[in-house]
Amino acid sequence: MSKKISLHIGGRKFDVDVDENFAPFLEQKMAKDFNVDGNNDLKILLQAYVRKTHELYAQEQEIDKILKKIDK
């Protein structure tokens, strides 16, 4: 099953259908990055993207460190 999650960006409403098991996690993360009850401008969207990309970068760096330790 899927769940619809909505977000307003630049005065437009965007609906995304996600797996119902993933939805609570996404809603929690979106609440930290966006105004889930109102409009978000494009700058907010860009800032959220950069934050999430940095988190992914840091995770990949940690994975690489662990893999190097395992290979030794």
PDB file of N, CA and C in Angstrom:
ATOM      1  N   MET A   1       0.842  -1.180   0.000  1.00  0.00           N
ATOM      2  CA  MET A   1       0.000   0.000   0.000  1.00  0.00           C
ATOM      3  C   MET A   1       0.884   1.238   0.000  1.00  0.00           C
ATOM      4  N   SER A   2       0.295   2.325  -0.402  1.00  0.00           N
ATOM      5  CA  SER A   2       1.042   3.570  -0.427  1.00  0.00           C
ATOM      6  C   SER A   2       0.294   4.641   0.353  1.00  0.00           C
ATOM      7  N   LYS A   3       1.033   5.682   0.668  1.00  0.00           N
ATOM      8  CA  LYS A   3       0.459   6.816   1.389  1.00  0.00           C
ATOM      9  C   LYS A   3       0.856   8.081   0.649  1.00  0.00           C
ATOM     10  N   LYS A   4      -0.061   9.018   0.559  1.00  0.00           N
ATOM     11  CA  LYS A   4       0.202  10.281  -0.115  1.00  0.00           C
ATOM     12  C   LYS A   4       0.726  11.295   0.897  1.00  0.00           C
ATOM     13  N   ILE A   5       1.839  11.922   0.541  1.00  0.00           N
ATOM     14  CA  ILE A   5       2.422  12.981   1.367  1.00  0.00           C
ATOM     15  C   ILE A   5       2.452  14.239   0.511  1.00  0.00           C
ATOM     16  N   SER A   6       2.011  15.348   1.084  1.00  0.00           N
ATOM     17  CA  SER A   6       1.926  16.606   0.341  1.00  0.00           C
ATOM     18  C   SER A   6       2.882  17.637   0.913  1.00  0.00           C
ATOM     19  N   LEU A   7       3.365  18.487   0.020  1.00  0.00           N
ATOM     20  CA  LEU A   7       4.249  19.574   0.412  1.00  0.00           C
ATOM     21  C   LEU A   7       4.013  20.737  -0.540  1.00  0.00           C
ATOM     22  N   HIS A   8       3.964  21.949   0.013  1.00  0.00           N
ATOM     23  CA  HIS A   8       3.792  23.151  -0.798  1.00  0.00           C
ATOM     24  C   HIS A   8       5.160  23.797  -1.027  1.00  0.00           C
ATOM     25  N   ILE A   9       5.493  23.973  -2.295  1.00  0.00           N
ATOM     26  CA  ILE A   9       6.758  24.597  -2.673  1.00  0.00           C
ATOM     27  C   ILE A   9       6.458  25.633  -3.743  1.00  0.00           C
ATOM     28  N   GLY A  10       6.915  26.843  -3.496  1.00  0.00           N
ATOM     29  CA  GLY A  10       6.705  27.907  -4.469  1.00  0.00           C
ATOM     30  C   GLY A  10       5.250  28.151  -4.784  1.00  0.00           C
ATOM     31  N   GLY A  11       4.380  27.970  -3.796  1.00  0.00           N
ATOM     32  CA  GLY A  11       2.963  28.214  -3.986  1.00  0.00           C
ATOM     33  C   GLY A  11       2.212  27.089  -4.683  1.00  0.00           C
ATOM     34  N   ARG A  12       2.908  25.974  -4.953  1.00  0.00           N
ATOM     35  CA  ARG A  12       2.270  24.832  -5.607  1.00  0.00           C
ATOM     36  C   ARG A  12       2.284  23.637  -4.670  1.00  0.00           C
ATOM     37  N   LYS A  13       1.231  22.857  -4.737  1.00  0.00           N
ATOM     38  CA  LYS A  13       1.132  21.660  -3.908  1.00  0.00           C
ATOM     39  C   LYS A  13       1.660  20.459  -4.693  1.00  0.00           C
ATOM     40  N   PHE A  14       2.568  19.727  -4.063  1.00  0.00           N
ATOM     41  CA  PHE A  14       3.114  18.519  -4.662  1.00  0.00           C
ATOM     42  C   PHE A  14       2.726  17.327  -3.791  1.00  0.00           C
ATOM     43  N   ASP A  15       2.140  16.318  -4.413  1.00  0.00           N
ATOM     44  CA  ASP A  15       1.768  15.084  -3.739  1.00  0.00           C
ATOM     45  C   ASP A  15       2.710  13.977  -4.196  1.00  0.00           C
ATOM     46  N   VAL A  16       3.182  13.203  -3.232  1.00  0.00           N
ATOM     47  CA  VAL A  16       4.070  12.088  -3.518  1.00  0.00           C
ATOM     48  C   VAL A  16       3.489  10.850  -2.864  1.00  0.00           C
ATOM     49  N   ASP A  17       3.379   9.788  -3.633  1.00  0.00           N
ATOM     50  CA  ASP A  17       2.939   8.508  -3.087  1.00  0.00           C
ATOM     51  C   ASP A  17       4.167   7.703  -2.694  1.00  0.00           C
ATOM     52  N   VAL A  18       4.215   7.295  -1.434  1.00  0.00           N
ATOM     53  CA  VAL A  18       5.335   6.498  -0.933  1.00  0.00           C
ATOM     54  C   VAL A  18       4.788   5.269  -0.214  1.00  0.00           C
ATOM     55  N   ASP A  19       5.645   4.291  -0.045  1.00  0.00           N
ATOM     56  CA  ASP A  19       5.280   3.079   0.680  1.00  0.00           C
ATOM     57  C   ASP A  19       4.852   3.454   2.097  1.00  0.00           C
ATOM     58  N   GLU A  20       3.790   2.826   2.569  1.00  0.00           N
ATOM     59  CA  GLU A  20       3.256   3.181   3.897  1.00  0.00           C
ATOM     60  C   GLU A  20       4.252   2.894   5.022  1.00  0.00           C
ATOM     61  N   ASN A  21       5.174   1.966   4.825  1.00  0.00           N
ATOM     62  CA  ASN A  21       6.193   1.698   5.838  1.00  0.00           C
ATOM     63  C   ASN A  21       7.250   2.789   5.880  1.00  0.00           C
ATOM     64  N   PHE A  22       7.507   3.396   4.729  1.00  0.00           N
ATOM     65  CA  PHE A  22       8.492   4.470   4.613  1.00  0.00           C
ATOM     66  C   PHE A  22       7.904   5.825   5.009  1.00  0.00           C
ATOM     67  N   ALA A  23       6.602   5.989   4.876  1.00  0.00           N
ATOM     68  CA  ALA A  23       5.939   7.278   5.081  1.00  0.00           C
ATOM     69  C   ALA A  23       6.229   7.925   6.434  1.00  0.00           C
ATOM     70  N   PRO A  24       6.147   7.217   7.562  1.00  0.00           N
ATOM     71  CA  PRO A  24       6.420   7.886   8.846  1.00  0.00           C
ATOM     72  C   PRO A  24       7.850   8.434   8.941  1.00  0.00           C
ATOM     73  N   PHE A  25       8.805   7.682   8.399  1.00  0.00           N
ATOM     74  CA  PHE A  25      10.194   8.138   8.398  1.00  0.00           C
ATOM     75  C   PHE A  25      10.334   9.403   7.561  1.00  0.00           C
ATOM     76  N   LEU A  26       9.747   9.397   6.366  1.00  0.00           N
ATOM     77  CA  LEU A  26       9.822  10.556   5.481  1.00  0.00           C
ATOM     78  C   LEU A  26       9.137  11.765   6.104  1.00  0.00           C
ATOM     79  N   GLU A  27       7.980  11.557   6.696  1.00  0.00           N
ATOM     80  CA  GLU A  27       7.259  12.668   7.329  1.00  0.00           C
ATOM     81  C   GLU A  27       8.080  13.284   8.453  1.00  0.00           C
ATOM     82  N   GLN A  28       8.744  12.450   9.222  1.00  0.00           N
ATOM     83  CA  GLN A  28       9.582  12.948  10.313  1.00  0.00           C
ATOM     84  C   GLN A  28      10.746  13.780   9.767  1.00  0.00           C
ATOM     85  N   LYS A  29      11.393  13.279   8.740  1.00  0.00           N
ATOM     86  CA  LYS A  29      12.523  14.006   8.147  1.00  0.00           C
ATOM     87  C   LYS A  29      12.059  15.298   7.476  1.00  0.00           C
ATOM     88  N   MET A  30      10.928  15.233   6.781  1.00  0.00           N
ATOM     89  CA  MET A  30      10.420  16.432   6.109  1.00  0.00           C
ATOM     90  C   MET A  30      10.036  17.513   7.118  1.00  0.00           C
ATOM     91  N   ALA A  31       9.541  17.103   8.270  1.00  0.00           N
ATOM     92  CA  ALA A  31       9.159  18.082   9.301  1.00  0.00           C
ATOM     93  C   ALA A  31      10.365  18.864   9.793  1.00  0.00           C
ATOM     94  N   LYS A  32      11.547  18.260   9.717  1.00  0.00           N
ATOM     95  CA  LYS A  32      12.767  18.960  10.133  1.00  0.00           C
ATOM     96  C   LYS A  32      13.266  19.923   9.062  1.00  0.00           C
ATOM     97  N   ASP A  33      12.997  19.606   7.800  1.00  0.00           N
ATOM     98  CA  ASP A  33      13.550  20.392   6.694  1.00  0.00           C
ATOM     99  C   ASP A  33      12.588  21.420   6.112  1.00  0.00           C
ATOM    100  N   PHE A  34      11.284  21.206   6.300  1.00  0.00           N
ATOM    101  CA  PHE A  34      10.298  22.050   5.622  1.00  0.00           C
ATOM    102  C   PHE A  34       9.212  22.522   6.579  1.00  0.00           C
ATOM    103  N   ASN A  35       8.507  23.553   6.155  1.00  0.00           N
ATOM    104  CA  ASN A  35       7.279  23.970   6.816  1.00  0.00           C
ATOM    105  C   ASN A  35       6.183  23.084   6.233  1.00  0.00           C
ATOM    106  N   VAL A  36       5.839  22.012   6.921  1.00  0.00           N
ATOM    107  CA  VAL A  36       4.878  21.051   6.371  1.00  0.00           C
ATOM    108  C   VAL A  36       3.439  21.571   6.412  1.00  0.00           C
ATOM    109  N   ASP A  37       3.191  22.650   7.136  1.00  0.00           N
ATOM    110  CA  ASP A  37       1.842  23.210   7.230  1.00  0.00           C
ATOM    111  C   ASP A  37       1.646  24.428   6.339  1.00  0.00           C
ATOM    112  N   GLY A  38       2.717  24.882   5.691  1.00  0.00           N
ATOM    113  CA  GLY A  38       2.602  26.084   4.868  1.00  0.00           C
ATOM    114  C   GLY A  38       3.473  25.978   3.629  1.00  0.00           C
ATOM    115  N   ASN A  39       3.737  27.118   3.031  1.00  0.00           N
ATOM    116  CA  ASN A  39       4.503  27.172   1.794  1.00  0.00           C
ATOM    117  C   ASN A  39       6.005  27.211   2.075  1.00  0.00           C
ATOM    118  N   ASN A  40       6.753  26.633   1.190  1.00  0.00           N
ATOM    119  CA  ASN A  40       8.213  26.663   1.235  1.00  0.00           C
ATOM    120  C   ASN A  40       8.713  27.283  -0.069  1.00  0.00           C
ATOM    121  N   ASP A  41       9.671  28.205   0.036  1.00  0.00           N
ATOM    122  CA  ASP A  41      10.196  28.769  -1.201  1.00  0.00           C
ATOM    123  C   ASP A  41      11.319  27.870  -1.732  1.00  0.00           C
ATOM    124  N   LEU A  42      11.778  28.171  -2.913  1.00  0.00           N
ATOM    125  CA  LEU A  42      12.787  27.339  -3.559  1.00  0.00           C
ATOM    126  C   LEU A  42      14.108  27.321  -2.795  1.00  0.00           C
ATOM    127  N   LYS A  43      14.414  28.400  -2.095  1.00  0.00           N
ATOM    128  CA  LYS A  43      15.641  28.443  -1.307  1.00  0.00           C
ATOM    129  C   LYS A  43      15.610  27.364  -0.218  1.00  0.00           C
ATOM    130  N   ILE A  44      14.471  27.179   0.427  1.00  0.00           N
ATOM    131  CA  ILE A  44      14.316  26.147   1.458  1.00  0.00           C
ATOM    132  C   ILE A  44      14.532  24.764   0.842  1.00  0.00           C
ATOM    133  N   LEU A  45      13.977  24.545  -0.347  1.00  0.00           N
ATOM    134  CA  LEU A  45      14.147  23.269  -1.029  1.00  0.00           C
ATOM    135  C   LEU A  45      15.623  23.014  -1.343  1.00  0.00           C
ATOM    136  N   LEU A  46      16.314  24.016  -1.840  1.00  0.00           N
ATOM    137  CA  LEU A  46      17.735  23.875  -2.146  1.00  0.00           C
ATOM    138  C   LEU A  46      18.544  23.599  -0.885  1.00  0.00           C
ATOM    139  N   GLN A  47      18.246  24.295   0.193  1.00  0.00           N
ATOM    140  CA  GLN A  47      18.962  24.072   1.455  1.00  0.00           C
ATOM    141  C   GLN A  47      18.744  22.647   1.957  1.00  0.00           C
ATOM    142  N   ALA A  48      17.524  22.146   1.860  1.00  0.00           N
ATOM    143  CA  ALA A  48      17.229  20.779   2.290  1.00  0.00           C
ATOM    144  C   ALA A  48      17.988  19.782   1.428  1.00  0.00           C
ATOM    145  N   TYR A  49      18.031  20.022   0.138  1.00  0.00           N
ATOM    146  CA  TYR A  49      18.766  19.138  -0.765  1.00  0.00           C
ATOM    147  C   TYR A  49      20.248  19.097  -0.411  1.00  0.00           C
ATOM    148  N   VAL A  50      20.826  20.244  -0.177  1.00  0.00           N
ATOM    149  CA  VAL A  50      22.250  20.302   0.167  1.00  0.00           C
ATOM    150  C   VAL A  50      22.506  19.597   1.500  1.00  0.00           C
ATOM    151  N   ARG A  51      21.642  19.796   2.495  1.00  0.00           N
ATOM    152  CA  ARG A  51      21.801  19.114   3.788  1.00  0.00           C
ATOM    153  C   ARG A  51      21.751  17.601   3.623  1.00  0.00           C
ATOM    154  N   LYS A  52      20.775  17.118   2.875  1.00  0.00           N
ATOM    155  CA  LYS A  52      20.625  15.669   2.683  1.00  0.00           C
ATOM    156  C   LYS A  52      21.783  15.102   1.873  1.00  0.00           C
ATOM    157  N   THR A  53      22.263  15.848   0.903  1.00  0.00           N
ATOM    158  CA  THR A  53      23.410  15.388   0.127  1.00  0.00           C
ATOM    159  C   THR A  53      24.656  15.334   1.001  1.00  0.00           C
ATOM    160  N   HIS A  54      24.814  16.293   1.899  1.00  0.00           N
ATOM    161  CA  HIS A  54      25.942  16.264   2.817  1.00  0.00           C
ATOM    162  C   HIS A  54      25.850  15.072   3.764  1.00  0.00           C
ATOM    163  N   GLU A  55      24.661  14.769   4.238  1.00  0.00           N
ATOM    164  CA  GLU A  55      24.470  13.592   5.094  1.00  0.00           C
ATOM    165  C   GLU A  55      24.857  12.317   4.344  1.00  0.00           C
ATOM    166  N   LEU A  56      24.462  12.216   3.086  1.00  0.00           N
ATOM    167  CA  LEU A  56      24.817  11.053   2.270  1.00  0.00           C
ATOM    168  C   LEU A  56      26.327  10.975   2.081  1.00  0.00           C
ATOM    169  N   TYR A  57      26.959  12.096   1.831  1.00  0.00           N
ATOM    170  CA  TYR A  57      28.418  12.160   1.694  1.00  0.00           C
ATOM    171  C   TYR A  57      29.103  11.652   2.953  1.00  0.00           C
ATOM    172  N   ALA A  58      28.655  12.133   4.102  1.00  0.00           N
ATOM    173  CA  ALA A  58      29.250  11.717   5.380  1.00  0.00           C
ATOM    174  C   ALA A  58      29.046  10.217   5.608  1.00  0.00           C
ATOM    175  N   GLN A  59      27.883   9.702   5.274  1.00  0.00           N
ATOM    176  CA  GLN A  59      27.621   8.267   5.417  1.00  0.00           C
ATOM    177  C   GLN A  59      28.551   7.456   4.522  1.00  0.00           C
ATOM    178  N   GLU A  60      28.734   7.897   3.291  1.00  0.00           N
ATOM    179  CA  GLU A  60      29.611   7.181   2.376  1.00  0.00           C
ATOM    180  C   GLU A  60      31.060   7.216   2.854  1.00  0.00           C
ATOM    181  N   GLN A  61      31.468   8.328   3.449  1.00  0.00           N
ATOM    182  CA  GLN A  61      32.824   8.407   3.998  1.00  0.00           C
ATOM    183  C   GLN A  61      32.991   7.400   5.131  1.00  0.00           C
ATOM    184  N   GLU A  62      32.003   7.291   5.994  1.00  0.00           N
ATOM    185  CA  GLU A  62      32.050   6.335   7.094  1.00  0.00           C
ATOM    186  C   GLU A  62      32.046   4.889   6.582  1.00  0.00           C
ATOM    187  N   ILE A  63      31.257   4.624   5.566  1.00  0.00           N
ATOM    188  CA  ILE A  63      31.222   3.281   4.978  1.00  0.00           C
ATOM    189  C   ILE A  63      32.589   2.932   4.403  1.00  0.00           C
ATOM    190  N   ASP A  64      33.210   3.888   3.709  1.00  0.00           N
ATOM    191  CA  ASP A  64      34.547   3.651   3.151  1.00  0.00           C
ATOM    192  C   ASP A  64      35.567   3.353   4.242  1.00  0.00           C
ATOM    193  N   LYS A  65      35.507   4.081   5.364  1.00  0.00           N
ATOM    194  CA  LYS A  65      36.418   3.827   6.487  1.00  0.00           C
ATOM    195  C   LYS A  65      36.228   2.423   7.031  1.00  0.00           C
ATOM    196  N   ILE A  66      34.987   2.017   7.196  1.00  0.00           N
ATOM    197  CA  ILE A  66      34.694   0.676   7.724  1.00  0.00           C
ATOM    198  C   ILE A  66      35.177  -0.395   6.758  1.00  0.00           C
ATOM    199  N   LEU A  67      34.930  -0.197   5.471  1.00  0.00           N
ATOM    200  CA  LEU A  67      35.368  -1.174   4.478  1.00  0.00           C
ATOM    201  C   LEU A  67      36.887  -1.306   4.437  1.00  0.00           C
ATOM    202  N   LYS A  68      37.590  -0.190   4.595  1.00  0.00           N
ATOM    203  CA  LYS A  68      39.059  -0.237   4.615  1.00  0.00           C
ATOM    204  C   LYS A  68      39.555  -1.010   5.835  1.00  0.00           C
ATOM    205  N   LYS A  69      38.879  -0.843   6.971  1.00  0.00           N
ATOM    206  CA  LYS A  69      39.255  -1.595   8.170  1.00  0.00           C
ATOM    207  C   LYS A  69      39.005  -3.087   7.982  1.00  0.00           C
ATOM    208  N   ILE A  70      37.925  -3.416   7.331  1.00  0.00           N
ATOM    209  CA  ILE A  70      37.582  -4.823   7.103  1.00  0.00           C
ATOM    210  C   ILE A  70      38.589  -5.468   6.148  1.00  0.00           C
ATOM    211  N   ASP A  71      39.021  -4.717   5.126  1.00  0.00           N
ATOM    212  CA  ASP A  71      39.959  -5.246   4.132  1.00  0.00           C
ATOM    213  C   ASP A  71      41.358  -5.506   4.707  1.00  0.00           C
ATOM    214  N   LYS A  72      41.692  -4.865   5.812  1.00  0.00           N
ATOM    215  CA  LYS A  72      43.044  -5.022   6.389  1.00  0.00           C
ATOM    216  C   LYS A  72      43.208  -6.315   7.092  1.00  0.00           C
TER     217      LYS A  72
END
